[in-house]
């Protein structure tokens, strides 16, 4: 697949990944999945594939919830950020 910039010049392989989520979307995605896991509590599926499937069914709703919470936090002076390799609680 070949990608072109808006000025129609061809992008080479050294250009940034055009499909990579923005920093804000990465934060919202991770925040949404954490909210879902917390809401599941003891009902969290044991197997990874089952968790992926269960989260995929409600992902959109949790992204909306996470984005609303993120905006409320920012209005109150709290900023969320995403770091690679964070520790799980």
C-alpha atoms as a PDB file:
ATOM      1  CA  UNK A   1       0.000   0.000   0.000  1.00  0.00           C
ATOM      2  CA  UNK A   2       1.283   3.449  -0.876  1.00  0.00           C
ATOM      3  CA  UNK A   3       0.459   6.541   1.115  1.00  0.00           C
ATOM      4  CA  UNK A   4       0.553  10.104  -0.116  1.00  0.00           C
ATOM      5  CA  UNK A   5       0.720  13.375   1.772  1.00  0.00           C
ATOM      6  CA  UNK A   6      -1.874  16.071   1.181  1.00  0.00           C
ATOM      7  CA  UNK A   7       0.464  17.753  -1.291  1.00  0.00           C
ATOM      8  CA  UNK A   8       0.442  14.398  -3.148  1.00  0.00           C
ATOM      9  CA  UNK A   9       4.106  13.595  -2.559  1.00  0.00           C
ATOM     10  CA  UNK A  10       4.765   9.950  -1.791  1.00  0.00           C
ATOM     11  CA  UNK A  11       5.538   9.006   1.819  1.00  0.00           C
ATOM     12  CA  UNK A  12       8.501   6.705   2.302  1.00  0.00           C
ATOM     13  CA  UNK A  13       8.936   4.034   4.960  1.00  0.00           C
ATOM     14  CA  UNK A  14      10.843   6.379   7.270  1.00  0.00           C
ATOM     15  CA  UNK A  15       7.799   8.629   7.697  1.00  0.00           C
ATOM     16  CA  UNK A  16       5.758   8.226  10.851  1.00  0.00           C
ATOM     17  CA  UNK A  17       3.123   5.515  10.955  1.00  0.00           C
ATOM     18  CA  UNK A  18      -0.051   7.039   9.512  1.00  0.00           C
ATOM     19  CA  UNK A  19      -2.211   4.452  11.293  1.00  0.00           C
ATOM     20  CA  UNK A  20      -0.770   5.069  14.764  1.00  0.00           C
ATOM     21  CA  UNK A  21      -3.297   6.508  17.231  1.00  0.00           C
ATOM     22  CA  UNK A  22      -2.683  10.019  18.502  1.00  0.00           C
ATOM     23  CA  UNK A  23      -1.468  10.504  22.056  1.00  0.00           C
ATOM     24  CA  UNK A  24      -4.954  11.594  23.145  1.00  0.00           C
ATOM     25  CA  UNK A  25      -6.570   8.515  21.577  1.00  0.00           C
ATOM     26  CA  UNK A  26      -4.016   6.227  23.223  1.00  0.00           C
ATOM     27  CA  UNK A  27      -4.885   7.724  26.606  1.00  0.00           C
ATOM     28  CA  UNK A  28      -8.632   7.349  25.983  1.00  0.00           C
ATOM     29  CA  UNK A  29      -8.234   3.756  24.734  1.00  0.00           C
ATOM     30  CA  UNK A  30      -6.219   2.700  27.773  1.00  0.00           C
ATOM     31  CA  UNK A  31      -8.468   4.598  30.190  1.00  0.00           C
ATOM     32  CA  UNK A  32     -11.545   2.928  28.647  1.00  0.00           C
ATOM     33  CA  UNK A  33     -10.072  -0.554  29.009  1.00  0.00           C
ATOM     34  CA  UNK A  34      -9.104   0.111  32.630  1.00  0.00           C
ATOM     35  CA  UNK A  35     -12.615   1.373  33.407  1.00  0.00           C
ATOM     36  CA  UNK A  36     -14.081  -1.763  31.824  1.00  0.00           C
ATOM     37  CA  UNK A  37     -11.797  -4.042  33.852  1.00  0.00           C
ATOM     38  CA  UNK A  38     -12.749  -2.232  37.056  1.00  0.00           C
ATOM     39  CA  UNK A  39     -16.454  -2.478  36.238  1.00  0.00           C
ATOM     40  CA  UNK A  40     -16.130  -6.210  35.539  1.00  0.00           C
ATOM     41  CA  UNK A  41     -14.630  -6.974  38.942  1.00  0.00           C
ATOM     42  CA  UNK A  42     -14.977 -10.701  39.664  1.00  0.00           C
ATOM     43  CA  UNK A  43     -16.876 -11.293  36.403  1.00  0.00           C
ATOM     44  CA  UNK A  44     -13.750 -10.673  34.290  1.00  0.00           C
ATOM     45  CA  UNK A  45     -13.228 -13.586  31.858  1.00  0.00           C
ATOM     46  CA  UNK A  46     -10.161 -15.728  32.622  1.00  0.00           C
ATOM     47  CA  UNK A  47      -8.934 -16.236  29.056  1.00  0.00           C
ATOM     48  CA  UNK A  48      -7.374 -13.411  27.054  1.00  0.00           C
ATOM     49  CA  UNK A  49      -9.459 -14.064  23.929  1.00  0.00           C
ATOM     50  CA  UNK A  50     -12.676 -14.076  25.957  1.00  0.00           C
ATOM     51  CA  UNK A  51     -11.685 -10.744  27.551  1.00  0.00           C
ATOM     52  CA  UNK A  52     -10.925  -9.266  24.119  1.00  0.00           C
ATOM     53  CA  UNK A  53     -14.275 -10.378  22.772  1.00  0.00           C
ATOM     54  CA  UNK A  54     -16.203  -9.128  25.817  1.00  0.00           C
ATOM     55  CA  UNK A  55     -14.445  -5.742  25.774  1.00  0.00           C
ATOM     56  CA  UNK A  56     -14.865  -5.424  22.009  1.00  0.00           C
ATOM     57  CA  UNK A  57     -18.641  -5.656  22.421  1.00  0.00           C
ATOM     58  CA  UNK A  58     -18.725  -2.595  24.714  1.00  0.00           C
ATOM     59  CA  UNK A  59     -15.588  -0.753  23.624  1.00  0.00           C
ATOM     60  CA  UNK A  60     -17.399   2.169  22.004  1.00  0.00           C
ATOM     61  CA  UNK A  61     -19.491   2.885  25.089  1.00  0.00           C
ATOM     62  CA  UNK A  62     -16.439   2.776  27.353  1.00  0.00           C
ATOM     63  CA  UNK A  63     -14.486   5.085  25.019  1.00  0.00           C
ATOM     64  CA  UNK A  64     -17.321   7.614  25.258  1.00  0.00           C
ATOM     65  CA  UNK A  65     -17.361   7.272  29.052  1.00  0.00           C
ATOM     66  CA  UNK A  66     -13.551   7.593  29.226  1.00  0.00           C
ATOM     67  CA  UNK A  67     -13.526  10.685  26.993  1.00  0.00           C
ATOM     68  CA  UNK A  68     -16.203  12.370  29.146  1.00  0.00           C
ATOM     69  CA  UNK A  69     -14.260  11.552  32.312  1.00  0.00           C
ATOM     70  CA  UNK A  70     -11.022  12.797  30.758  1.00  0.00           C
ATOM     71  CA  UNK A  71     -12.645  16.145  29.859  1.00  0.00           C
ATOM     72  CA  UNK A  72     -14.071  16.525  33.370  1.00  0.00           C
ATOM     73  CA  UNK A  73     -10.684  15.781  34.889  1.00  0.00           C
ATOM     74  CA  UNK A  74      -8.960  18.295  32.588  1.00  0.00           C
ATOM     75  CA  UNK A  75     -11.495  20.978  33.537  1.00  0.00           C
ATOM     76  CA  UNK A  76     -10.494  20.336  37.156  1.00  0.00           C
ATOM     77  CA  UNK A  77      -6.763  20.488  36.522  1.00  0.00           C
ATOM     78  CA  UNK A  78      -5.962  16.779  36.166  1.00  0.00           C
ATOM     79  CA  UNK A  79      -4.209  15.649  32.979  1.00  0.00           C
ATOM     80  CA  UNK A  80      -3.861  11.980  32.009  1.00  0.00           C
ATOM     81  CA  UNK A  81      -0.863  10.817  29.988  1.00  0.00           C
ATOM     82  CA  UNK A  82       0.216   7.505  28.487  1.00  0.00           C
ATOM     83  CA  UNK A  83       3.640   5.981  29.088  1.00  0.00           C
ATOM     84  CA  UNK A  84       5.005   2.818  27.513  1.00  0.00           C
ATOM     85  CA  UNK A  85       5.548  -0.127  29.822  1.00  0.00           C
ATOM     86  CA  UNK A  86       3.510   1.152  32.735  1.00  0.00           C
ATOM     87  CA  UNK A  87       3.060  -1.094  35.738  1.00  0.00           C
ATOM     88  CA  UNK A  88      -0.237  -2.840  36.339  1.00  0.00           C
ATOM     89  CA  UNK A  89      -1.819  -2.604  39.761  1.00  0.00           C
END
